[in-house]
Amino acid sequence: MTIAEKYINKGKIDGKIDGKIEGKIEGKIETAKNMLKMKFDHETIRMATGLPLEEIEKLK
């Protein structure tokens, strides 16, 4: 395997990891939005999603 191929493979792996992380975060945000609609308090949403309170406040 050439050096270029190694960098290309690393880039593909990094891209997949970034995509999975982004998807998980988007899922947590969607859950938080739904919980806000159902009138859950912010602390409960924080505990359920792991999102910081500052992020939950921005979703209002």
C-alpha atoms as a PDB file:
ATOM      1  CA  MET A   1       0.000   0.000   0.000  1.00  0.00           C
ATOM      2  CA  THR A   2       1.380   3.395  -0.940  1.00  0.00           C
ATOM      3  CA  ILE A   3       1.531   6.363   1.386  1.00  0.00           C
ATOM      4  CA  ALA A   4      -1.197   8.043  -0.668  1.00  0.00           C
ATOM      5  CA  GLU A   5      -3.475   5.016  -0.275  1.00  0.00           C
ATOM      6  CA  LYS A   6      -2.891   5.019   3.478  1.00  0.00           C
ATOM      7  CA  TYR A   7      -3.939   8.681   3.685  1.00  0.00           C
ATOM      8  CA  ILE A   8      -6.996   8.031   1.526  1.00  0.00           C
ATOM      9  CA  ASN A   9      -8.039   5.103   3.742  1.00  0.00           C
ATOM     10  CA  LYS A  10      -7.473   7.182   6.879  1.00  0.00           C
ATOM     11  CA  GLY A  11      -9.601   9.951   5.362  1.00  0.00           C
ATOM     12  CA  LYS A  12     -12.422   7.515   4.638  1.00  0.00           C
ATOM     13  CA  ILE A  13     -12.313   6.135   8.170  1.00  0.00           C
ATOM     14  CA  ASP A  14     -12.230   9.633   9.671  1.00  0.00           C
ATOM     15  CA  GLY A  15     -15.207  10.623   7.509  1.00  0.00           C
ATOM     16  CA  LYS A  16     -17.224   7.622   8.653  1.00  0.00           C
ATOM     17  CA  ILE A  17     -16.447   8.369  12.294  1.00  0.00           C
ATOM     18  CA  ASP A  18     -17.382  12.030  11.874  1.00  0.00           C
ATOM     19  CA  GLY A  19     -20.645  11.024  10.203  1.00  0.00           C
ATOM     20  CA  LYS A  20     -21.578   8.644  12.997  1.00  0.00           C
ATOM     21  CA  ILE A  21     -20.836  11.266  15.652  1.00  0.00           C
ATOM     22  CA  GLU A  22     -22.847  13.885  13.778  1.00  0.00           C
ATOM     23  CA  GLY A  23     -25.768  11.469  13.459  1.00  0.00           C
ATOM     24  CA  LYS A  24     -25.758  10.702  17.166  1.00  0.00           C
ATOM     25  CA  ILE A  25     -25.738  14.390  18.036  1.00  0.00           C
ATOM     26  CA  GLU A  26     -28.589  15.083  15.621  1.00  0.00           C
ATOM     27  CA  GLY A  27     -30.574  12.264  17.236  1.00  0.00           C
ATOM     28  CA  LYS A  28     -30.026  13.715  20.691  1.00  0.00           C
ATOM     29  CA  ILE A  29     -31.117  17.154  19.498  1.00  0.00           C
ATOM     30  CA  GLU A  30     -34.265  15.703  17.939  1.00  0.00           C
ATOM     31  CA  THR A  31     -35.050  13.856  21.171  1.00  0.00           C
ATOM     32  CA  ALA A  32     -34.531  17.056  23.160  1.00  0.00           C
ATOM     33  CA  LYS A  33     -36.862  18.977  20.843  1.00  0.00           C
ATOM     34  CA  ASN A  34     -39.552  16.338  21.277  1.00  0.00           C
ATOM     35  CA  MET A  35     -39.111  16.366  25.034  1.00  0.00           C
ATOM     36  CA  LEU A  36     -39.449  20.164  25.060  1.00  0.00           C
ATOM     37  CA  LYS A  37     -42.720  19.848  23.134  1.00  0.00           C
ATOM     38  CA  MET A  38     -43.905  17.377  25.783  1.00  0.00           C
ATOM     39  CA  LYS A  39     -43.054  19.957  28.485  1.00  0.00           C
ATOM     40  CA  PHE A  40     -40.182  18.063  30.139  1.00  0.00           C
ATOM     41  CA  ASP A  41     -37.982  20.253  32.311  1.00  0.00           C
ATOM     42  CA  HIS A  42     -34.504  21.087  31.051  1.00  0.00           C
ATOM     43  CA  GLU A  43     -32.687  19.070  33.699  1.00  0.00           C
ATOM     44  CA  THR A  44     -34.592  15.910  32.756  1.00  0.00           C
ATOM     45  CA  ILE A  45     -33.788  16.510  29.087  1.00  0.00           C
ATOM     46  CA  ARG A  46     -30.124  17.012  29.967  1.00  0.00           C
ATOM     47  CA  MET A  47     -30.043  13.753  31.878  1.00  0.00           C
ATOM     48  CA  ALA A  48     -31.858  11.842  29.104  1.00  0.00           C
ATOM     49  CA  THR A  49     -29.815  13.173  26.176  1.00  0.00           C
ATOM     50  CA  GLY A  50     -26.477  14.170  27.666  1.00  0.00           C
ATOM     51  CA  LEU A  51     -26.738  17.555  25.978  1.00  0.00           C
ATOM     52  CA  PRO A  52     -25.482  20.580  27.922  1.00  0.00           C
ATOM     53  CA  LEU A  53     -28.161  22.867  29.348  1.00  0.00           C
ATOM     54  CA  GLU A  54     -26.884  25.684  27.122  1.00  0.00           C
ATOM     55  CA  GLU A  55     -27.683  23.631  24.015  1.00  0.00           C
ATOM     56  CA  ILE A  56     -31.147  22.759  25.305  1.00  0.00           C
ATOM     57  CA  GLU A  57     -31.849  26.449  25.970  1.00  0.00           C
ATOM     58  CA  LYS A  58     -30.990  27.228  22.327  1.00  0.00           C
ATOM     59  CA  LEU A  59     -33.616  24.767  21.103  1.00  0.00           C
ATOM     60  CA  LYS A  60     -36.570  26.744  22.443  1.00  0.00           C
END
